[in-house]
Protein backbone atom coordinates (compact mmCIF):
# COMPACT_ATOMS: atom_id res chain seq x y z
CA MET A 1 0.00 0.00 0.00
CA LEU A 2 1.25 3.42 -0.93
CA ALA A 3 -0.23 6.77 -0.03
CA LEU A 4 1.06 10.01 -1.48
CA ARG A 5 0.16 13.64 -1.61
CA LEU A 6 0.01 15.40 -4.93
CA PRO A 7 -0.01 19.13 -5.61
CA PRO A 8 -3.61 20.32 -6.03
CA ASP A 9 -3.24 20.98 -9.76
CA ILE A 10 -1.90 17.47 -10.42
CA GLU A 11 -4.60 15.94 -8.24
CA LYS A 12 -7.23 17.85 -10.24
CA ARG A 13 -5.79 16.70 -13.57
CA LEU A 14 -5.63 13.12 -12.36
CA THR A 15 -9.23 13.26 -11.10
CA GLU A 16 -10.42 14.70 -14.42
CA LEU A 17 -8.51 12.10 -16.42
CA ALA A 18 -9.97 9.29 -14.35
CA ALA A 19 -13.50 10.66 -14.72
CA LYS A 20 -13.17 11.09 -18.50
CA SER A 21 -11.66 7.68 -19.08
CA GLY A 22 -13.59 5.57 -16.60
CA ARG A 23 -10.36 4.35 -15.02
CA THR A 24 -9.29 4.94 -11.44
CA LYS A 25 -6.74 7.45 -10.22
CA SER A 26 -4.83 4.47 -8.80
CA TYR A 27 -4.64 2.94 -12.26
CA TYR A 28 -2.96 6.03 -13.69
CA ALA A 29 -0.65 6.46 -10.71
CA ARG A 30 0.43 2.82 -11.01
CA GLU A 31 0.99 3.11 -14.78
CA ALA A 32 3.04 6.29 -14.34
CA ILE A 33 5.21 4.75 -11.64
CA VAL A 34 5.84 1.60 -13.67
CA ALA A 35 6.79 3.61 -16.78
CA TYR A 36 9.10 5.86 -14.76
CA MET A 37 10.75 2.90 -13.06
CA GLU A 38 11.38 1.13 -16.37
CA ASP A 39 13.01 4.25 -17.84
CA PHE A 40 15.01 4.93 -14.68
CA GLU A 41 16.22 1.33 -14.45
CA LEU A 42 17.51 1.58 -18.03
CA LEU A 43 19.29 4.83 -17.17
CA VAL A 44 20.89 3.33 -14.06
CA GLU A 45 22.08 0.32 -16.07
CA ALA A 46 23.51 2.56 -18.80
CA GLU A 47 25.37 4.63 -16.21
CA ARG A 48 26.69 1.47 -14.56
CA ARG A 49 27.98 0.16 -17.86
CA LEU A 50 29.56 3.49 -18.73
CA ASN A 51 31.29 3.70 -15.37
CA ASN A 52 32.57 0.14 -15.66
CA ASN A 53 33.85 0.64 -19.20
CA PRO A 54 34.65 4.31 -19.79
CA LYS A 55 36.74 3.62 -22.91
CA PHE A 56 36.20 6.27 -25.55
CA ILE A 57 35.74 4.91 -29.05
CA PRO A 58 36.43 7.40 -31.84
CA PHE A 59 33.57 7.89 -34.29
CA ASP A 60 35.68 6.71 -37.24
CA GLU A 61 36.24 3.40 -35.44
CA VAL A 62 32.51 3.01 -34.87
CA LEU A 63 31.89 3.68 -38.56
CA ALA A 64 34.61 1.21 -39.58
CA GLU A 65 33.02 -1.42 -37.35
CA ILE A 66 29.83 -1.16 -39.39
CA GLY A 67 31.65 -0.77 -42.71
CA LEU A 68 31.17 2.95 -43.29
CA THR A 69 33.35 6.04 -43.62
CA GLN A 70 32.73 9.73 -43.06
CA GLU A 71 32.55 10.05 -46.86
CA ASP A 72 29.76 7.46 -46.96
CA LEU A 73 27.77 9.61 -44.58
CA LYS A 74 28.31 12.71 -46.71
CA ASN A 75 27.20 10.88 -49.85
CA HIS A 76 23.97 9.69 -48.24
CA ALA A 77 22.66 13.15 -47.42
CA VAL A 78 23.20 12.87 -43.70
CA PRO A 79 23.02 16.44 -42.34
CA HIS A 80 26.39 17.89 -41.48
CA VAL A 81 26.53 19.78 -38.20
CA GLU A 82 29.47 21.96 -37.30
């Protein structure tokens, strides 16, 4: 069981959404928490991997790994940003 206080404007929006959709406020709170947790867990894992392997790989090496060159990118109308 979880109880939380929301700012009045968020509570109002949540109440209105629940009324319009026929779902409960708890449903939307649960869905929002699950979505946030999934995103945050991915972020934490990415940070962990980065911290455990901080090796910098030059862009040209990444391109070579997939069989491309900078010239290939220019010839395929990839926008150039300076």
